């Protein structure tokens, strides 16, 4: 995956309307009019959001007569998830060190309260 593709994916995901559209499309393809219903915005505004999602490769539009259903293309989401997973180990190690510190702190507090011989 190119860095530009990852940037396009995250830029597209930065908007809550676009994330809501993707969530709807996870349930199956839908026409633009149906995708626009939950939002208080014009069809041209929704079309602009769809173009951003399409350029990022997150949706594709079909053609059935006058109807152009949109469908989710999840590949770029997987790539973004894989990229974020690279930081999972960092957070797990950081939380592990915090857990060790808290255990040490509790042990020290217990010794100070009861003395080392009371245990």
PDB file of N, CA and C in Angstrom:
ATOM      1  N   UNK A   1       0.845  -1.184   0.000  1.00  0.00           N
ATOM      2  CA  UNK A   1       0.000   0.000   0.000  1.00  0.00           C
ATOM      3  C   UNK A   1       0.887   1.243   0.000  1.00  0.00           C
ATOM      4  N   UNK A   2       0.561   2.178  -0.833  1.00  0.00           N
ATOM      5  CA  UNK A   2       1.338   3.404  -0.903  1.00  0.00           C
ATOM      6  C   UNK A   2       0.945   4.346   0.235  1.00  0.00           C
ATOM      7  N   UNK A   3       1.878   5.200   0.675  1.00  0.00           N
ATOM      8  CA  UNK A   3       1.535   6.169   1.723  1.00  0.00           C
ATOM      9  C   UNK A   3       0.392   7.085   1.285  1.00  0.00           C
ATOM     10  N   UNK A   4       0.321   7.391  -0.012  1.00  0.00           N
ATOM     11  CA  UNK A   4      -0.768   8.248  -0.483  1.00  0.00           C
ATOM     12  C   UNK A   4      -2.124   7.577  -0.314  1.00  0.00           C
ATOM     13  N   UNK A   5      -2.164   6.256  -0.514  1.00  0.00           N
ATOM     14  CA  UNK A   5      -3.421   5.532  -0.331  1.00  0.00           C
ATOM     15  C   UNK A   5      -3.839   5.593   1.138  1.00  0.00           C
ATOM     16  N   UNK A   6      -2.884   5.396   2.040  1.00  0.00           N
ATOM     17  CA  UNK A   6      -3.190   5.461   3.472  1.00  0.00           C
ATOM     18  C   UNK A   6      -3.664   6.865   3.851  1.00  0.00           C
ATOM     19  N   UNK A   7      -3.031   7.891   3.300  1.00  0.00           N
ATOM     20  CA  UNK A   7      -3.455   9.272   3.571  1.00  0.00           C
ATOM     21  C   UNK A   7      -4.863   9.513   3.052  1.00  0.00           C
ATOM     22  N   UNK A   8      -5.165   9.008   1.861  1.00  0.00           N
ATOM     23  CA  UNK A   8      -6.514   9.160   1.301  1.00  0.00           C
ATOM     24  C   UNK A   8      -7.547   8.464   2.177  1.00  0.00           C
ATOM     25  N   UNK A   9      -7.189   7.289   2.660  1.00  0.00           N
ATOM     26  CA  UNK A   9      -8.122   6.534   3.509  1.00  0.00           C
ATOM     27  C   UNK A   9      -8.415   7.304   4.787  1.00  0.00           C
ATOM     28  N   UNK A  10      -7.356   7.758   5.479  1.00  0.00           N
ATOM     29  CA  UNK A  10      -7.581   8.471   6.743  1.00  0.00           C
ATOM     30  C   UNK A  10      -8.261   9.817   6.515  1.00  0.00           C
ATOM     31  N   UNK A  11      -7.951  10.489   5.420  1.00  0.00           N
ATOM     32  CA  UNK A  11      -8.620  11.763   5.117  1.00  0.00           C
ATOM     33  C   UNK A  11     -10.113  11.527   4.899  1.00  0.00           C
ATOM     34  N   UNK A  12     -10.449  10.456   4.208  1.00  0.00           N
ATOM     35  CA  UNK A  12     -11.865  10.140   3.974  1.00  0.00           C
ATOM     36  C   UNK A  12     -12.566   9.774   5.278  1.00  0.00           C
ATOM     37  N   UNK A  13     -11.864   9.077   6.148  1.00  0.00           N
ATOM     38  CA  UNK A  13     -12.462   8.643   7.420  1.00  0.00           C
ATOM     39  C   UNK A  13     -12.557   9.778   8.440  1.00  0.00           C
ATOM     40  N   UNK A  14     -11.926  10.908   8.170  1.00  0.00           N
ATOM     41  CA  UNK A  14     -11.923  12.018   9.125  1.00  0.00           C
ATOM     42  C   UNK A  14     -13.294  12.664   9.289  1.00  0.00           C
ATOM     43  N   UNK A  15     -14.188  12.453   8.351  1.00  0.00           N
ATOM     44  CA  UNK A  15     -15.503  13.102   8.408  1.00  0.00           C
ATOM     45  C   UNK A  15     -16.566  12.127   8.946  1.00  0.00           C
ATOM     46  N   UNK A  16     -17.356  12.546   9.947  1.00  0.00           N
ATOM     47  CA  UNK A  16     -18.358  11.633  10.521  1.00  0.00           C
ATOM     48  C   UNK A  16     -19.449  11.230   9.530  1.00  0.00           C
ATOM     49  N   UNK A  17     -19.799  12.105   8.599  1.00  0.00           N
ATOM     50  CA  UNK A  17     -20.818  11.744   7.598  1.00  0.00           C
ATOM     51  C   UNK A  17     -20.301  10.596   6.735  1.00  0.00           C
ATOM     52  N   UNK A  18     -19.061  10.687   6.334  1.00  0.00           N
ATOM     53  CA  UNK A  18     -18.494   9.622   5.491  1.00  0.00           C
ATOM     54  C   UNK A  18     -18.382   8.315   6.274  1.00  0.00           C
ATOM     55  N   UNK A  19     -18.030   8.410   7.564  1.00  0.00           N
ATOM     56  CA  UNK A  19     -17.969   7.178   8.366  1.00  0.00           C
ATOM     57  C   UNK A  19     -19.356   6.559   8.501  1.00  0.00           C
ATOM     58  N   UNK A  20     -20.379   7.404   8.652  1.00  0.00           N
ATOM     59  CA  UNK A  20     -21.752   6.887   8.761  1.00  0.00           C
ATOM     60  C   UNK A  20     -22.184   6.243   7.445  1.00  0.00           C
ATOM     61  N   UNK A  21     -21.783   6.822   6.344  1.00  0.00           N
ATOM     62  CA  UNK A  21     -22.118   6.223   5.041  1.00  0.00           C
ATOM     63  C   UNK A  21     -21.452   4.852   4.910  1.00  0.00           C
ATOM     64  N   UNK A  22     -20.191   4.762   5.319  1.00  0.00           N
ATOM     65  CA  UNK A  22     -19.502   3.465   5.252  1.00  0.00           C
ATOM     66  C   UNK A  22     -20.182   2.437   6.155  1.00  0.00           C
ATOM     67  N   UNK A  23     -20.597   2.885   7.343  1.00  0.00           N
ATOM     68  CA  UNK A  23     -21.287   1.964   8.263  1.00  0.00           C
ATOM     69  C   UNK A  23     -22.576   1.460   7.630  1.00  0.00           C
ATOM     70  N   UNK A  24     -23.310   2.341   6.948  1.00  0.00           N
ATOM     71  CA  UNK A  24     -24.544   1.908   6.276  1.00  0.00           C
ATOM     72  C   UNK A  24     -24.228   0.919   5.163  1.00  0.00           C
ATOM     73  N   UNK A  25     -23.185   1.201   4.389  1.00  0.00           N
ATOM     74  CA  UNK A  25     -22.841   0.327   3.267  1.00  0.00           C
ATOM     75  C   UNK A  25     -22.287  -1.027   3.725  1.00  0.00           C
ATOM     76  N   UNK A  26     -21.840  -1.114   4.978  1.00  0.00           N
ATOM     77  CA  UNK A  26     -21.400  -2.411   5.501  1.00  0.00           C
ATOM     78  C   UNK A  26     -22.569  -3.390   5.550  1.00  0.00           C
ATOM     79  N   UNK A  27     -23.797  -2.860   5.569  1.00  0.00           N
ATOM     80  CA  UNK A  27     -24.987  -3.711   5.569  1.00  0.00           C
ATOM     81  C   UNK A  27     -25.463  -4.082   4.179  1.00  0.00           C
ATOM     82  N   UNK A  28     -24.844  -3.537   3.159  1.00  0.00           N
ATOM     83  CA  UNK A  28     -25.229  -3.852   1.780  1.00  0.00           C
ATOM     84  C   UNK A  28     -25.264  -2.604   0.928  1.00  0.00           C
ATOM     85  N   UNK A  29     -25.280  -2.811  -0.385  1.00  0.00           N
ATOM     86  CA  UNK A  29     -25.243  -1.668  -1.280  1.00  0.00           C
ATOM     87  C   UNK A  29     -26.530  -0.863  -1.210  1.00  0.00           C
ATOM     88  N   UNK A  30     -26.427   0.415  -1.581  1.00  0.00           N
ATOM     89  CA  UNK A  30     -27.579   1.316  -1.490  1.00  0.00           C
ATOM     90  C   UNK A  30     -27.433   2.439  -2.516  1.00  0.00           C
ATOM     91  N   UNK A  31     -28.559   2.976  -2.995  1.00  0.00           N
ATOM     92  CA  UNK A  31     -28.494   4.130  -3.893  1.00  0.00           C
ATOM     93  C   UNK A  31     -28.220   5.411  -3.105  1.00  0.00           C
ATOM     94  N   UNK A  32     -27.828   6.443  -3.815  1.00  0.00           N
ATOM     95  CA  UNK A  32     -27.468   7.716  -3.179  1.00  0.00           C
ATOM     96  C   UNK A  32     -28.645   8.280  -2.389  1.00  0.00           C
ATOM     97  N   UNK A  33     -29.854   8.189  -2.941  1.00  0.00           N
ATOM     98  CA  UNK A  33     -31.013   8.757  -2.234  1.00  0.00           C
ATOM     99  C   UNK A  33     -31.213   8.094  -0.875  1.00  0.00           C
ATOM    100  N   UNK A  34     -30.997   6.797  -0.808  1.00  0.00           N
ATOM    101  CA  UNK A  34     -31.136   6.098   0.472  1.00  0.00           C
ATOM    102  C   UNK A  34     -30.013   6.486   1.429  1.00  0.00           C
ATOM    103  N   UNK A  35     -28.817   6.632   0.905  1.00  0.00           N
ATOM    104  CA  UNK A  35     -27.679   7.019   1.754  1.00  0.00           C
ATOM    105  C   UNK A  35     -27.871   8.422   2.313  1.00  0.00           C
ATOM    106  N   UNK A  36     -28.573   9.284   1.562  1.00  0.00           N
ATOM    107  CA  UNK A  36     -28.758  10.679   1.970  1.00  0.00           C
ATOM    108  C   UNK A  36     -29.840  10.856   3.035  1.00  0.00           C
ATOM    109  N   UNK A  37     -30.780   9.915   3.149  1.00  0.00           N
ATOM    110  CA  UNK A  37     -31.936  10.074   4.045  1.00  0.00           C
ATOM    111  C   UNK A  37     -31.601  10.464   5.482  1.00  0.00           C
ATOM    112  N   UNK A  38     -30.628   9.841   6.139  1.00  0.00           N
ATOM    113  CA  UNK A  38     -30.402  10.179   7.555  1.00  0.00           C
ATOM    114  C   UNK A  38     -29.756  11.551   7.780  1.00  0.00           C
ATOM    115  N   UNK A  39     -29.336  12.214   6.721  1.00  0.00           N
ATOM    116  CA  UNK A  39     -28.576  13.444   6.891  1.00  0.00           C
ATOM    117  C   UNK A  39     -29.396  14.663   6.476  1.00  0.00           C
ATOM    118  N   UNK A  40     -29.214  15.762   7.188  1.00  0.00           N
ATOM    119  CA  UNK A  40     -29.883  17.022   6.855  1.00  0.00           C
ATOM    120  C   UNK A  40     -28.988  17.805   5.908  1.00  0.00           C
ATOM    121  N   UNK A  41     -28.784  17.239   4.728  1.00  0.00           N
ATOM    122  CA  UNK A  41     -27.975  17.922   3.717  1.00  0.00           C
ATOM    123  C   UNK A  41     -28.490  17.541   2.335  1.00  0.00           C
ATOM    124  N   UNK A  42     -28.090  18.333   1.368  1.00  0.00           N
ATOM    125  CA  UNK A  42     -28.592  18.151   0.006  1.00  0.00           C
ATOM    126  C   UNK A  42     -27.961  16.921  -0.662  1.00  0.00           C
ATOM    127  N   UNK A  43     -28.598  16.459  -1.732  1.00  0.00           N
ATOM    128  CA  UNK A  43     -28.029  15.343  -2.496  1.00  0.00           C
ATOM    129  C   UNK A  43     -26.664  15.707  -3.087  1.00  0.00           C
ATOM    130  N   UNK A  44     -26.489  16.947  -3.602  1.00  0.00           N
ATOM    131  CA  UNK A  44     -25.140  17.291  -4.082  1.00  0.00           C
ATOM    132  C   UNK A  44     -24.076  17.224  -2.975  1.00  0.00           C
ATOM    133  N   UNK A  45     -24.437  17.583  -1.759  1.00  0.00           N
ATOM    134  CA  UNK A  45     -23.478  17.500  -0.643  1.00  0.00           C
ATOM    135  C   UNK A  45     -23.127  16.040  -0.360  1.00  0.00           C
ATOM    136  N   UNK A  46     -24.142  15.179  -0.374  1.00  0.00           N
ATOM    137  CA  UNK A  46     -23.881  13.744  -0.180  1.00  0.00           C
ATOM    138  C   UNK A  46     -23.015  13.211  -1.317  1.00  0.00           C
ATOM    139  N   UNK A  47     -23.299  13.664  -2.542  1.00  0.00           N
ATOM    140  CA  UNK A  47     -22.491  13.224  -3.688  1.00  0.00           C
ATOM    141  C   UNK A  47     -21.029  13.619  -3.533  1.00  0.00           C
ATOM    142  N   UNK A  48     -20.790  14.784  -2.953  1.00  0.00           N
ATOM    143  CA  UNK A  48     -19.391  15.194  -2.717  1.00  0.00           C
ATOM    144  C   UNK A  48     -18.712  14.234  -1.732  1.00  0.00           C
ATOM    145  N   UNK A  49     -19.436  13.859  -0.678  1.00  0.00           N
ATOM    146  CA  UNK A  49     -18.878  12.891   0.274  1.00  0.00           C
ATOM    147  C   UNK A  49     -18.605  11.556  -0.428  1.00  0.00           C
ATOM    148  N   UNK A  50     -19.534  11.141  -1.277  1.00  0.00           N
ATOM    149  CA  UNK A  50     -19.351   9.867  -1.987  1.00  0.00           C
ATOM    150  C   UNK A  50     -18.147   9.926  -2.918  1.00  0.00           C
ATOM    151  N   UNK A  51     -17.919  11.069  -3.536  1.00  0.00           N
ATOM    152  CA  UNK A  51     -16.746  11.201  -4.423  1.00  0.00           C
ATOM    153  C   UNK A  51     -15.451  11.061  -3.630  1.00  0.00           C
ATOM    154  N   UNK A  52     -15.419  11.629  -2.429  1.00  0.00           N
ATOM    155  CA  UNK A  52     -14.223  11.494  -1.584  1.00  0.00           C
ATOM    156  C   UNK A  52     -13.999  10.022  -1.239  1.00  0.00           C
ATOM    157  N   UNK A  53     -15.091   9.344  -0.869  1.00  0.00           N
ATOM    158  CA  UNK A  53     -14.979   7.917  -0.531  1.00  0.00           C
ATOM    159  C   UNK A  53     -14.564   7.088  -1.743  1.00  0.00           C
ATOM    160  N   UNK A  54     -15.082   7.453  -2.905  1.00  0.00           N
ATOM    161  CA  UNK A  54     -14.752   6.732  -4.134  1.00  0.00           C
ATOM    162  C   UNK A  54     -13.282   6.942  -4.514  1.00  0.00           C
ATOM    163  N   UNK A  55     -12.793   8.182  -4.404  1.00  0.00           N
ATOM    164  CA  UNK A  55     -11.382   8.464  -4.721  1.00  0.00           C
ATOM    165  C   UNK A  55     -10.449   7.720  -3.765  1.00  0.00           C
ATOM    166  N   UNK A  56     -10.879   7.544  -2.520  1.00  0.00           N
ATOM    167  CA  UNK A  56     -10.074   6.818  -1.530  1.00  0.00           C
ATOM    168  C   UNK A  56     -10.176   5.309  -1.719  1.00  0.00           C
ATOM    169  N   UNK A  57     -11.020   4.882  -2.642  1.00  0.00           N
ATOM    170  CA  UNK A  57     -11.171   3.450  -2.908  1.00  0.00           C
ATOM    171  C   UNK A  57     -12.018   2.734  -1.874  1.00  0.00           C
ATOM    172  N   UNK A  58     -12.760   3.509  -1.071  1.00  0.00           N
ATOM    173  CA  UNK A  58     -13.566   2.902  -0.005  1.00  0.00           C
ATOM    174  C   UNK A  58     -14.960   2.490  -0.468  1.00  0.00           C
ATOM    175  N   UNK A  59     -15.413   3.046  -1.592  1.00  0.00           N
ATOM    176  CA  UNK A  59     -16.691   2.624  -2.161  1.00  0.00           C
ATOM    177  C   UNK A  59     -16.534   2.487  -3.674  1.00  0.00           C
ATOM    178  N   UNK A  60     -17.450   1.773  -4.265  1.00  0.00           N
ATOM    179  CA  UNK A  60     -17.524   1.669  -5.728  1.00  0.00           C
ATOM    180  C   UNK A  60     -18.978   1.889  -6.098  1.00  0.00           C
ATOM    181  N   UNK A  61     -19.192   2.417  -7.271  1.00  0.00           N
ATOM    182  CA  UNK A  61     -20.563   2.648  -7.742  1.00  0.00           C
ATOM    183  C   UNK A  61     -20.822   1.766  -8.945  1.00  0.00           C
ATOM    184  N   UNK A  62     -21.947   1.094  -8.909  1.00  0.00           N
ATOM    185  CA  UNK A  62     -22.352   0.263 -10.028  1.00  0.00           C
ATOM    186  C   UNK A  62     -23.253   1.053 -10.958  1.00  0.00           C
ATOM    187  N   UNK A  63     -23.802   0.379 -11.936  1.00  0.00           N
ATOM    188  CA  UNK A  63     -24.750   1.036 -12.839  1.00  0.00           C
ATOM    189  C   UNK A  63     -25.813   0.030 -13.222  1.00  0.00           C
ATOM    190  N   UNK A  64     -27.050   0.366 -12.862  1.00  0.00           N
ATOM    191  CA  UNK A  64     -28.201  -0.442 -13.244  1.00  0.00           C
ATOM    192  C   UNK A  64     -29.245   0.536 -13.750  1.00  0.00           C
ATOM    193  N   UNK A  65     -29.312   0.716 -15.085  1.00  0.00           N
ATOM    194  CA  UNK A  65     -30.205   1.693 -15.720  1.00  0.00           C
ATOM    195  C   UNK A  65     -29.922   3.079 -15.153  1.00  0.00           C
ATOM    196  N   UNK A  66     -30.908   3.733 -14.534  1.00  0.00           N
ATOM    197  CA  UNK A  66     -30.727   5.067 -13.953  1.00  0.00           C
ATOM    198  C   UNK A  66     -30.171   4.993 -12.541  1.00  0.00           C
ATOM    199  N   UNK A  67     -30.069   3.822 -12.017  1.00  0.00           N
ATOM    200  CA  UNK A  67     -29.730   3.585 -10.618  1.00  0.00           C
ATOM    201  C   UNK A  67     -28.241   3.333 -10.496  1.00  0.00           C
ATOM    202  N   UNK A  68     -27.556   4.024  -9.585  1.00  0.00           N
ATOM    203  CA  UNK A  68     -26.119   3.815  -9.372  1.00  0.00           C
ATOM    204  C   UNK A  68     -25.881   3.431  -7.919  1.00  0.00           C
ATOM    205  N   UNK A  69     -26.084   2.159  -7.613  1.00  0.00           N
ATOM    206  CA  UNK A  69     -25.887   1.743  -6.218  1.00  0.00           C
ATOM    207  C   UNK A  69     -24.428   1.842  -5.798  1.00  0.00           C
ATOM    208  N   UNK A  70     -24.229   2.186  -4.547  1.00  0.00           N
ATOM    209  CA  UNK A  70     -22.882   2.263  -3.977  1.00  0.00           C
ATOM    210  C   UNK A  70     -22.649   1.021  -3.133  1.00  0.00           C
ATOM    211  N   UNK A  71     -21.434   0.559  -3.127  1.00  0.00           N
ATOM    212  CA  UNK A  71     -21.086  -0.589  -2.271  1.00  0.00           C
ATOM    213  C   UNK A  71     -19.738  -0.337  -1.610  1.00  0.00           C
ATOM    214  N   UNK A  72     -19.587  -0.939  -0.452  1.00  0.00           N
ATOM    215  CA  UNK A  72     -18.366  -0.798   0.333  1.00  0.00           C
ATOM    216  C   UNK A  72     -17.229  -1.571  -0.321  1.00  0.00           C
ATOM    217  N   UNK A  73     -16.069  -0.970  -0.367  1.00  0.00           N
ATOM    218  CA  UNK A  73     -14.823  -1.640  -0.776  1.00  0.00           C
ATOM    219  C   UNK A  73     -13.921  -1.592   0.455  1.00  0.00           C
ATOM    220  N   UNK A  74     -13.845  -2.683   1.184  1.00  0.00           N
ATOM    221  CA  UNK A  74     -13.211  -2.680   2.510  1.00  0.00           C
ATOM    222  C   UNK A  74     -11.695  -2.840   2.487  1.00  0.00           C
ATOM    223  N   UNK A  75     -11.110  -3.075   1.347  1.00  0.00           N
ATOM    224  CA  UNK A  75      -9.656  -3.294   1.276  1.00  0.00           C
ATOM    225  C   UNK A  75      -8.846  -2.175   1.926  1.00  0.00           C
ATOM    226  N   UNK A  76      -9.107  -0.915   1.604  1.00  0.00           N
ATOM    227  CA  UNK A  76      -8.329   0.158   2.238  1.00  0.00           C
ATOM    228  C   UNK A  76      -8.533   0.225   3.756  1.00  0.00           C
ATOM    229  N   UNK A  77      -9.702  -0.199   4.248  1.00  0.00           N
ATOM    230  CA  UNK A  77      -9.924  -0.216   5.701  1.00  0.00           C
ATOM    231  C   UNK A  77      -9.031  -1.270   6.351  1.00  0.00           C
ATOM    232  N   UNK A  78      -8.856  -2.387   5.701  1.00  0.00           N
ATOM    233  CA  UNK A  78      -7.969  -3.443   6.209  1.00  0.00           C
ATOM    234  C   UNK A  78      -6.534  -2.928   6.244  1.00  0.00           C
ATOM    235  N   UNK A  79      -6.141  -2.232   5.187  1.00  0.00           N
ATOM    236  CA  UNK A  79      -4.783  -1.673   5.146  1.00  0.00           C
ATOM    237  C   UNK A  79      -4.573  -0.676   6.286  1.00  0.00           C
ATOM    238  N   UNK A  80      -5.571   0.180   6.543  1.00  0.00           N
ATOM    239  CA  UNK A  80      -5.471   1.153   7.639  1.00  0.00           C
ATOM    240  C   UNK A  80      -5.404   0.427   8.982  1.00  0.00           C
ATOM    241  N   UNK A  81      -6.217  -0.611   9.135  1.00  0.00           N
ATOM    242  CA  UNK A  81      -6.204  -1.393  10.375  1.00  0.00           C
ATOM    243  C   UNK A  81      -4.844  -2.062  10.577  1.00  0.00           C
ATOM    244  N   UNK A  82      -4.283  -2.602   9.516  1.00  0.00           N
ATOM    245  CA  UNK A  82      -2.955  -3.235   9.609  1.00  0.00           C
ATOM    246  C   UNK A  82      -1.904  -2.208  10.017  1.00  0.00           C
ATOM    247  N   UNK A  83      -2.005  -1.008   9.480  1.00  0.00           N
ATOM    248  CA  UNK A  83      -1.046   0.046   9.830  1.00  0.00           C
ATOM    249  C   UNK A  83      -1.166   0.408  11.311  1.00  0.00           C
ATOM    250  N   UNK A  84      -2.402   0.540  11.799  1.00  0.00           N
ATOM    251  CA  UNK A  84      -2.614   0.868  13.211  1.00  0.00           C
ATOM    252  C   UNK A  84      -2.142  -0.260  14.122  1.00  0.00           C
ATOM    253  N   UNK A  85      -2.268  -1.511  13.658  1.00  0.00           N
ATOM    254  CA  UNK A  85      -1.820  -2.646  14.469  1.00  0.00           C
ATOM    255  C   UNK A  85      -0.329  -2.561  14.773  1.00  0.00           C
ATOM    256  N   UNK A  86       0.429  -1.853  13.953  1.00  0.00           N
ATOM    257  CA  UNK A  86       1.849  -1.673  14.210  1.00  0.00           C
ATOM    258  C   UNK A  86       2.103  -0.950  15.527  1.00  0.00           C
ATOM    259  N   UNK A  87       1.130  -0.219  15.997  1.00  0.00           N
ATOM    260  CA  UNK A  87       1.273   0.523  17.252  1.00  0.00           C
ATOM    261  C   UNK A  87       0.669  -0.230  18.440  1.00  0.00           C
ATOM    262  N   UNK A  88      -0.007  -1.341  18.144  1.00  0.00           N
ATOM    263  CA  UNK A  88      -0.631  -2.133  19.212  1.00  0.00           C
ATOM    264  C   UNK A  88       0.430  -2.611  20.216  1.00  0.00           C
ATOM    265  N   UNK A  89       1.564  -3.106  19.714  1.00  0.00           N
ATOM    266  CA  UNK A  89       2.615  -3.599  20.605  1.00  0.00           C
ATOM    267  C   UNK A  89       3.134  -2.481  21.512  1.00  0.00           C
ATOM    268  N   UNK A  90       3.265  -1.275  20.963  1.00  0.00           N
ATOM    269  CA  UNK A  90       3.702  -0.134  21.773  1.00  0.00           C
ATOM    270  C   UNK A  90       2.753   0.074  22.948  1.00  0.00           C
ATOM    271  N   UNK A  91       1.440   0.093  22.674  1.00  0.00           N
ATOM    272  CA  UNK A  91       0.463   0.334  23.743  1.00  0.00           C
ATOM    273  C   UNK A  91       0.404  -0.815  24.727  1.00  0.00           C
ATOM    274  N   UNK A  92       0.529  -2.036  24.249  1.00  0.00           N
ATOM    275  CA  UNK A  92       0.515  -3.179  25.148  1.00  0.00           C
ATOM    276  C   UNK A  92       1.722  -3.148  26.079  1.00  0.00           C
ATOM    277  N   UNK A  93       2.895  -2.781  25.542  1.00  0.00           N
ATOM    278  CA  UNK A  93       4.087  -2.684  26.383  1.00  0.00           C
ATOM    279  C   UNK A  93       3.947  -1.541  27.386  1.00  0.00           C
ATOM    280  N   UNK A  94       3.401  -0.414  26.941  1.00  0.00           N
ATOM    281  CA  UNK A  94       3.222   0.729  27.848  1.00  0.00           C
ATOM    282  C   UNK A  94       2.257   0.373  28.971  1.00  0.00           C
ATOM    283  N   UNK A  95       1.165  -0.272  28.639  1.00  0.00           N
ATOM    284  CA  UNK A  95       0.204  -0.666  29.667  1.00  0.00           C
ATOM    285  C   UNK A  95       0.788  -1.730  30.586  1.00  0.00           C
ATOM    286  N   UNK A  96       1.623  -2.606  30.053  1.00  0.00           N
ATOM    287  CA  UNK A  96       2.293  -3.617  30.880  1.00  0.00           C
ATOM    288  C   UNK A  96       3.217  -2.958  31.899  1.00  0.00           C
ATOM    289  N   UNK A  97       3.969  -1.941  31.462  1.00  0.00           N
ATOM    290  CA  UNK A  97       4.861  -1.230  32.390  1.00  0.00           C
ATOM    291  C   UNK A  97       4.049  -0.491  33.452  1.00  0.00           C
ATOM    292  N   UNK A  98       2.927   0.095  33.066  1.00  0.00           N
ATOM    293  CA  UNK A  98       2.055   0.780  34.025  1.00  0.00           C
ATOM    294  C   UNK A  98       1.505  -0.216  35.037  1.00  0.00           C
ATOM    295  N   UNK A  99       1.114  -1.383  34.562  1.00  0.00           N
ATOM    296  CA  UNK A  99       0.599  -2.425  35.456  1.00  0.00           C
ATOM    297  C   UNK A  99       1.680  -2.857  36.456  1.00  0.00           C
ATOM    298  N   UNK A 100       2.908  -3.047  35.981  1.00  0.00           N
ATOM    299  CA  UNK A 100       4.017  -3.416  36.875  1.00  0.00           C
ATOM    300  C   UNK A 100       4.254  -2.329  37.926  1.00  0.00           C
ATOM    301  N   UNK A 101       4.218  -1.077  37.495  1.00  0.00           N
ATOM    302  CA  UNK A 101       4.442   0.038  38.419  1.00  0.00           C
ATOM    303  C   UNK A 101       3.350   0.091  39.487  1.00  0.00           C
ATOM    304  N   UNK A 102       2.093  -0.097  39.072  1.00  0.00           N
ATOM    305  CA  UNK A 102       0.990  -0.058  40.044  1.00  0.00           C
ATOM    306  C   UNK A 102       1.082  -1.196  41.049  1.00  0.00           C
ATOM    307  N   UNK A 103       1.485  -2.381  40.590  1.00  0.00           N
ATOM    308  CA  UNK A 103       1.660  -3.512  41.517  1.00  0.00           C
ATOM    309  C   UNK A 103       2.772  -3.209  42.520  1.00  0.00           C
ATOM    310  N   UNK A 104       3.877  -2.656  42.034  1.00  0.00           N
ATOM    311  CA  UNK A 104       4.997  -2.300  42.899  1.00  0.00           C
ATOM    312  C   UNK A 104       4.561  -1.240  43.916  1.00  0.00           C
ATOM    313  N   UNK A 105       3.799  -0.271  43.474  1.00  0.00           N
ATOM    314  CA  UNK A 105       3.306   0.797  44.340  1.00  0.00           C
ATOM    315  C   UNK A 105       2.378   0.233  45.421  1.00  0.00           C
ATOM    316  N   UNK A 106       1.487  -0.687  45.040  1.00  0.00           N
ATOM    317  CA  UNK A 106       0.590  -1.316  46.014  1.00  0.00           C
ATOM    318  C   UNK A 106       1.376  -2.122  47.023  1.00  0.00           C
ATOM    319  N   UNK A 107       2.384  -2.825  46.570  1.00  0.00           N
ATOM    320  CA  UNK A 107       3.206  -3.637  47.460  1.00  0.00           C
ATOM    321  C   UNK A 107       3.947  -2.757  48.460  1.00  0.00           C
ATOM    322  N   UNK A 108       4.501  -1.647  47.967  1.00  0.00           N
ATOM    323  CA  UNK A 108       5.219  -0.707  48.841  1.00  0.00           C
ATOM    324  C   UNK A 108       4.278  -0.092  49.859  1.00  0.00           C
ATOM    325  N   UNK A 109       3.080   0.291  49.435  1.00  0.00           N
ATOM    326  CA  UNK A 109       2.088   0.892  50.332  1.00  0.00           C
ATOM    327  C   UNK A 109       1.674  -0.105  51.407  1.00  0.00           C
ATOM    328  N   UNK A 110       1.496  -1.377  51.013  1.00  0.00           N
ATOM    329  CA  UNK A 110       1.103  -2.415  51.966  1.00  0.00           C
ATOM    330  C   UNK A 110       2.188  -2.615  53.023  1.00  0.00           C
ATOM    331  N   UNK A 111       3.441  -2.610  52.605  1.00  0.00           N
ATOM    332  CA  UNK A 111       4.557  -2.780  53.546  1.00  0.00           C
ATOM    333  C   UNK A 111       4.652  -1.599  54.492  1.00  0.00           C
ATOM    334  N   UNK A 112       4.420  -0.385  53.985  1.00  0.00           N
ATOM    335  CA  UNK A 112       4.503   0.802  54.827  1.00  0.00           C
ATOM    336  C   UNK A 112       3.372   0.824  55.854  1.00  0.00           C
ATOM    337  N   UNK A 113       2.189   0.330  55.488  1.00  0.00           N
ATOM    338  CA  UNK A 113       1.036   0.325  56.373  1.00  0.00           C
ATOM    339  C   UNK A 113       1.163  -0.744  57.452  1.00  0.00           C
ATOM    340  N   UNK A 114       1.569  -1.956  57.039  1.00  0.00           N
ATOM    341  CA  UNK A 114       1.605  -3.077  57.973  1.00  0.00           C
ATOM    342  C   UNK A 114       3.008  -3.447  58.418  1.00  0.00           C
ATOM    343  N   UNK A 115       4.004  -2.933  57.761  1.00  0.00           N
ATOM    344  CA  UNK A 115       5.370  -3.331  58.064  1.00  0.00           C
ATOM    345  C   UNK A 115       5.695  -4.632  57.366  1.00  0.00           C
ATOM    346  N   UNK A 116       6.953  -4.858  57.035  1.00  0.00           N
ATOM    347  CA  UNK A 116       7.334  -6.065  56.286  1.00  0.00           C
ATOM    348  C   UNK A 116       7.110  -7.340  57.089  1.00  0.00           C
ATOM    349  N   UNK A 117       7.091  -7.306  58.401  1.00  0.00           N
ATOM    350  CA  UNK A 117       6.924  -8.516  59.200  1.00  0.00           C
ATOM    351  C   UNK A 117       5.476  -8.893  59.437  1.00  0.00           C
ATOM    352  N   UNK A 118       4.511  -7.977  59.166  1.00  0.00           N
ATOM    353  CA  UNK A 118       3.094  -8.261  59.393  1.00  0.00           C
ATOM    354  C   UNK A 118       2.500  -9.168  58.323  1.00  0.00           C
ATOM    355  N   UNK A 119       3.175  -9.401  57.240  1.00  0.00           N
ATOM    356  CA  UNK A 119       2.584 -10.173  56.140  1.00  0.00           C
ATOM    357  C   UNK A 119       2.723 -11.644  56.303  1.00  0.00           C
TER     358      UNK A 119
END
